């Protein structure tokens, strides 16, 4: 009797060990089923999202062509973006007419317009005093892009080359802050309310190109003027 009980327990243990694969297999199938359900739900919701996007675009197009009043948040945001981009393009064209096109790069998003200005157009090497020829550019930006609701952020950036001995500034960081402040003063002189202005200097610590080359260092030496859209 004891021999029979021993063999029965041994057989059950053997069967249990062999059944472990079924547990792993079951878990794997459960995970696969969950993954396919997620993919299916995403695919089913996609046509609805596309339909809503097409409807919004159609309403906006009707408004542009016929002048209808389609009051939706999407249409209003699109109008504001179109206006912002159109004005930025006007500033870009005006800069090109004054032979400043190479010195100005404009990027427009849904939230802001950013003017990337090369330092050789604005400053002499190691200096934070604006050149006289730069004033018309800031006048164009102030008069065409800035309203009373906009916030303007000015950022100064340099390359990683140390300043020459005897420089007025102790570091690139200090130089970048002084240059940002000079631009803030010019924008204020162009009519921007000082309450709308803020500035910061980043020195060489936020490069956009490789400082190992002269071309890369030239790209890193820049002033960025970012005009934030008015909040709703």
Protein backbone atom coordinates (compact mmCIF):
# COMPACT_ATOMS: atom_id res chain seq x y z
CA UNK A 1 0.00 0.00 0.00
CA UNK A 2 2.81 2.39 0.86
CA UNK A 3 4.52 1.51 -2.43
CA UNK A 4 1.34 2.39 -4.33
CA UNK A 5 1.00 5.71 -2.47
CA UNK A 6 4.66 6.52 -3.23
CA UNK A 7 4.21 5.79 -6.94
CA UNK A 8 1.02 7.84 -7.05
CA UNK A 9 2.73 10.86 -5.46
CA UNK A 10 5.72 10.46 -7.76
CA UNK A 11 3.42 10.33 -10.79
CA UNK A 12 1.55 13.48 -9.68
CA UNK A 13 4.81 15.33 -9.12
CA UNK A 14 6.03 14.26 -12.54
CA UNK A 15 2.82 15.45 -14.17
CA UNK A 16 2.99 18.78 -12.33
CA UNK A 17 6.54 19.37 -13.50
CA UNK A 18 5.61 18.61 -17.07
CA UNK A 19 2.64 20.98 -16.85
CA UNK A 20 4.80 24.06 -16.11
CA UNK A 21 5.09 24.77 -19.82
CA UNK A 22 1.32 25.14 -19.99
CA UNK A 23 1.42 27.93 -17.37
CA UNK A 24 4.10 29.83 -19.28
CA UNK A 25 2.24 29.26 -22.53
CA UNK A 26 -0.99 30.52 -21.03
CA UNK A 27 0.65 33.69 -19.74
CA UNK A 28 2.23 34.34 -23.11
CA UNK A 29 -1.09 33.91 -24.91
CA UNK A 30 -2.75 36.30 -22.46
CA UNK A 31 -0.13 38.97 -23.15
CA UNK A 32 -0.48 38.48 -26.90
CA UNK A 33 -4.25 38.81 -26.65
CA UNK A 34 -3.91 42.06 -24.68
CA UNK A 35 -1.46 43.44 -27.22
CA UNK A 36 -3.76 42.62 -30.15
CA UNK A 37 -6.73 44.18 -28.34
CA UNK A 38 -4.75 47.40 -27.83
CA UNK A 39 -3.74 47.45 -31.50
CA UNK A 40 -7.32 46.78 -32.56
CA UNK A 41 -8.73 49.58 -30.40
CA UNK A 42 -6.14 52.00 -31.79
CA UNK A 43 -6.96 51.03 -35.36
CA UNK A 44 -10.70 51.38 -34.78
CA UNK A 45 -10.30 54.85 -33.25
CA UNK A 46 -8.01 56.10 -36.02
CA UNK A 47 -10.74 56.68 -38.67
CA UNK A 48 -12.71 58.71 -36.15
CA UNK A 49 -9.71 60.93 -35.43
CA UNK A 50 -8.99 61.33 -39.13
CA UNK A 51 -12.62 62.19 -39.77
CA UNK A 52 -12.52 64.89 -37.08
CA UNK A 53 -9.30 66.32 -38.52
CA UNK A 54 -10.76 66.39 -42.03
CA UNK A 55 -13.91 68.08 -40.75
CA UNK A 56 -11.87 70.74 -38.96
CA UNK A 57 -9.76 71.35 -42.08
CA UNK A 58 -12.91 71.61 -44.21
CA UNK A 59 -14.49 74.13 -41.86
CA UNK A 60 -11.32 76.18 -41.83
CA UNK A 61 -11.16 76.11 -45.63
CA UNK A 62 -14.78 77.28 -45.89
CA UNK A 63 -13.97 80.13 -43.57
CA UNK A 64 -10.94 81.16 -45.61
CA UNK A 65 -12.74 81.03 -48.97
CA UNK A 66 -16.22 82.34 -48.16
CA UNK A 67 -15.60 84.32 -45.02
CA UNK A 68 -18.02 82.25 -42.98
CA UNK A 69 -17.90 82.34 -39.21
CA UNK A 70 -16.84 78.90 -38.15
CA UNK A 71 -16.10 79.42 -34.48
CA UNK A 72 -14.10 76.41 -33.37
CA UNK A 73 -10.96 76.42 -31.21
CA UNK A 74 -9.06 74.65 -33.98
CA UNK A 75 -10.10 77.21 -36.60
CA UNK A 76 -9.19 80.12 -34.32
CA UNK A 77 -5.79 78.59 -33.55
CA UNK A 78 -5.16 78.02 -37.26
CA UNK A 79 -6.00 81.65 -38.04
CA UNK A 80 -3.60 82.88 -35.36
CA UNK A 81 -0.86 80.61 -36.66
CA UNK A 82 -1.42 81.77 -40.25
CA UNK A 83 -1.20 85.39 -39.12
CA UNK A 84 1.94 84.75 -37.09
CA UNK A 85 3.64 82.89 -39.96
CA UNK A 86 2.64 85.55 -42.49
CA UNK A 87 4.05 88.33 -40.33
CA UNK A 88 7.26 86.38 -39.72
CA UNK A 89 7.64 85.93 -43.47
CA UNK A 90 7.24 89.69 -43.95
CA UNK A 91 10.04 90.32 -41.46
CA UNK A 92 12.21 87.73 -43.22
CA UNK A 93 11.63 89.39 -46.60
CA UNK A 94 12.30 92.84 -45.20
CA UNK A 95 15.56 91.60 -43.72
CA UNK A 96 16.57 90.15 -47.09
CA UNK A 97 15.83 93.49 -48.81
CA UNK A 98 18.26 95.17 -46.42
CA UNK A 99 20.93 92.50 -47.08
CA UNK A 100 20.30 90.96 -43.65
CA UNK A 101 18.91 87.67 -44.92
CA UNK A 102 22.04 85.66 -44.08
CA UNK A 103 22.05 87.04 -40.55
CA UNK A 104 18.46 86.08 -39.71
CA UNK A 105 16.79 82.69 -39.40
CA UNK A 106 13.10 82.54 -38.48
CA UNK A 107 11.30 79.51 -37.03
CA UNK A 108 7.54 79.65 -36.34
CA UNK A 109 5.60 77.09 -34.30
CA UNK A 110 2.14 77.00 -32.77
CA UNK A 111 3.46 78.61 -29.58
CA UNK A 112 6.20 81.03 -30.64
CA UNK A 113 8.27 82.67 -33.33
CA UNK A 114 12.02 82.50 -32.89
CA UNK A 115 14.58 84.75 -34.57
CA UNK A 116 18.07 83.25 -34.68
CA UNK A 117 20.53 86.12 -35.22
CA UNK A 118 24.20 85.64 -36.09
CA UNK A 119 26.57 87.40 -33.74
CA UNK A 120 28.90 88.84 -36.41
CA UNK A 121 26.01 90.97 -37.65
CA UNK A 122 25.23 92.24 -34.15
CA UNK A 123 28.56 92.46 -32.32
CA UNK A 124 32.28 92.75 -32.80
CA UNK A 125 34.37 89.87 -31.45
CA UNK A 126 34.35 89.84 -27.63
CA UNK A 127 32.03 92.87 -27.49
CA UNK A 128 28.48 93.27 -26.21
CA UNK A 129 27.88 96.64 -27.89
CA UNK A 130 25.36 96.38 -30.73
CA UNK A 131 26.48 97.54 -34.15
CA UNK A 132 24.57 100.49 -35.53
CA UNK A 133 23.27 98.58 -38.54
CA UNK A 134 21.31 96.15 -36.37
CA UNK A 135 18.74 98.67 -35.10
CA UNK A 136 16.41 98.47 -38.17
CA UNK A 137 16.07 94.70 -37.73
CA UNK A 138 14.89 95.02 -34.13
CA UNK A 139 12.54 97.83 -35.18
CA UNK A 140 10.98 95.47 -37.76
CA UNK A 141 10.57 92.72 -35.17
CA UNK A 142 9.08 95.07 -32.58
CA UNK A 143 6.63 96.77 -34.95
CA UNK A 144 5.49 93.72 -36.93
CA UNK A 145 5.63 90.80 -34.51
CA UNK A 146 5.06 92.14 -31.01
CA UNK A 147 1.72 93.04 -29.45
CA UNK A 148 0.97 94.08 -25.88
CA UNK A 149 0.14 90.47 -24.99
CA UNK A 150 3.37 88.86 -26.21
CA UNK A 151 6.26 87.84 -23.99
CA UNK A 152 9.74 88.17 -25.51
CA UNK A 153 12.64 86.03 -24.33
CA UNK A 154 16.18 86.96 -25.40
CA UNK A 155 18.97 84.37 -25.14
CA UNK A 156 22.69 84.92 -25.64
CA UNK A 157 24.98 82.09 -26.80
CA UNK A 158 28.71 81.85 -27.58
CA UNK A 159 31.19 79.25 -28.79
CA UNK A 160 33.64 77.53 -26.43
CA UNK A 161 36.72 79.57 -27.29
CA UNK A 162 38.13 81.46 -24.26
CA UNK A 163 38.05 85.26 -24.37
CA UNK A 164 41.22 87.14 -25.22
CA UNK A 165 43.37 88.45 -22.35
CA UNK A 166 42.29 91.88 -21.20
CA UNK A 167 38.67 91.32 -22.21
CA UNK A 168 36.04 93.31 -20.37
CA UNK A 169 34.20 90.08 -19.55
CA UNK A 170 35.50 87.27 -17.37
CA UNK A 171 33.87 84.40 -19.27
CA UNK A 172 31.73 83.50 -22.27
CA UNK A 173 28.85 83.15 -19.88
CA UNK A 174 29.17 86.76 -18.77
CA UNK A 175 29.58 87.89 -22.38
CA UNK A 176 26.44 86.06 -23.48
CA UNK A 177 24.40 87.68 -20.71
CA UNK A 178 25.73 91.13 -21.60
CA UNK A 179 24.78 90.59 -25.24
CA UNK A 180 21.28 89.45 -24.33
CA UNK A 181 20.88 92.58 -22.20
CA UNK A 182 22.05 94.78 -25.09
CA UNK A 183 19.33 93.29 -27.32
CA UNK A 184 16.73 93.81 -24.59
CA UNK A 185 17.71 97.47 -24.40
CA UNK A 186 17.39 97.81 -28.17
CA UNK A 187 13.95 96.17 -28.23
CA UNK A 188 12.86 98.53 -25.47
CA UNK A 189 14.15 101.46 -27.53
CA UNK A 190 12.11 100.08 -30.46
CA UNK A 191 8.93 100.41 -28.41
CA UNK A 192 8.56 97.09 -26.58
CA UNK A 193 7.26 97.39 -23.02
CA UNK A 194 10.05 96.31 -20.63
CA UNK A 195 7.47 94.28 -18.69
CA UNK A 196 7.26 91.96 -21.71
CA UNK A 197 11.02 91.37 -21.89
CA UNK A 198 13.29 88.83 -20.22
CA UNK A 199 16.82 87.69 -20.95
CA UNK A 200 19.35 84.99 -20.17
CA UNK A 201 22.89 84.03 -21.11
CA UNK A 202 23.98 80.45 -21.73
CA UNK A 203 27.61 80.95 -22.74
CA UNK A 204 28.92 77.94 -24.64
CA UNK A 205 26.70 75.45 -22.81
CA UNK A 206 23.87 75.09 -25.33
CA UNK A 207 25.60 74.66 -28.70
CA UNK A 208 23.67 73.84 -31.86
CA UNK A 209 26.76 72.77 -33.82
CA UNK A 210 30.21 71.28 -33.29
CA UNK A 211 32.69 73.72 -31.79
CA UNK A 212 35.53 71.76 -33.37
CA UNK A 213 35.03 73.60 -36.69
CA UNK A 214 34.97 77.29 -37.57
CA UNK A 215 31.58 76.85 -39.23
CA UNK A 216 30.15 75.18 -36.14
CA UNK A 217 31.50 77.89 -33.83
CA UNK A 218 29.95 80.56 -36.06
CA UNK A 219 26.54 78.89 -35.70
CA UNK A 220 26.90 78.68 -31.92
CA UNK A 221 27.65 82.40 -31.56
CA UNK A 222 24.11 83.72 -31.77
CA UNK A 223 21.27 85.66 -30.20
CA UNK A 224 17.84 84.03 -30.06
CA UNK A 225 14.76 86.24 -29.76
CA UNK A 226 11.69 84.17 -28.97
CA UNK A 227 8.26 85.79 -29.15
CA UNK A 228 5.63 83.77 -27.31
CA UNK A 229 2.04 83.83 -28.51
CA UNK A 230 -0.50 85.65 -26.43
CA UNK A 231 -2.30 83.27 -24.07
CA UNK A 232 -6.03 82.79 -24.44
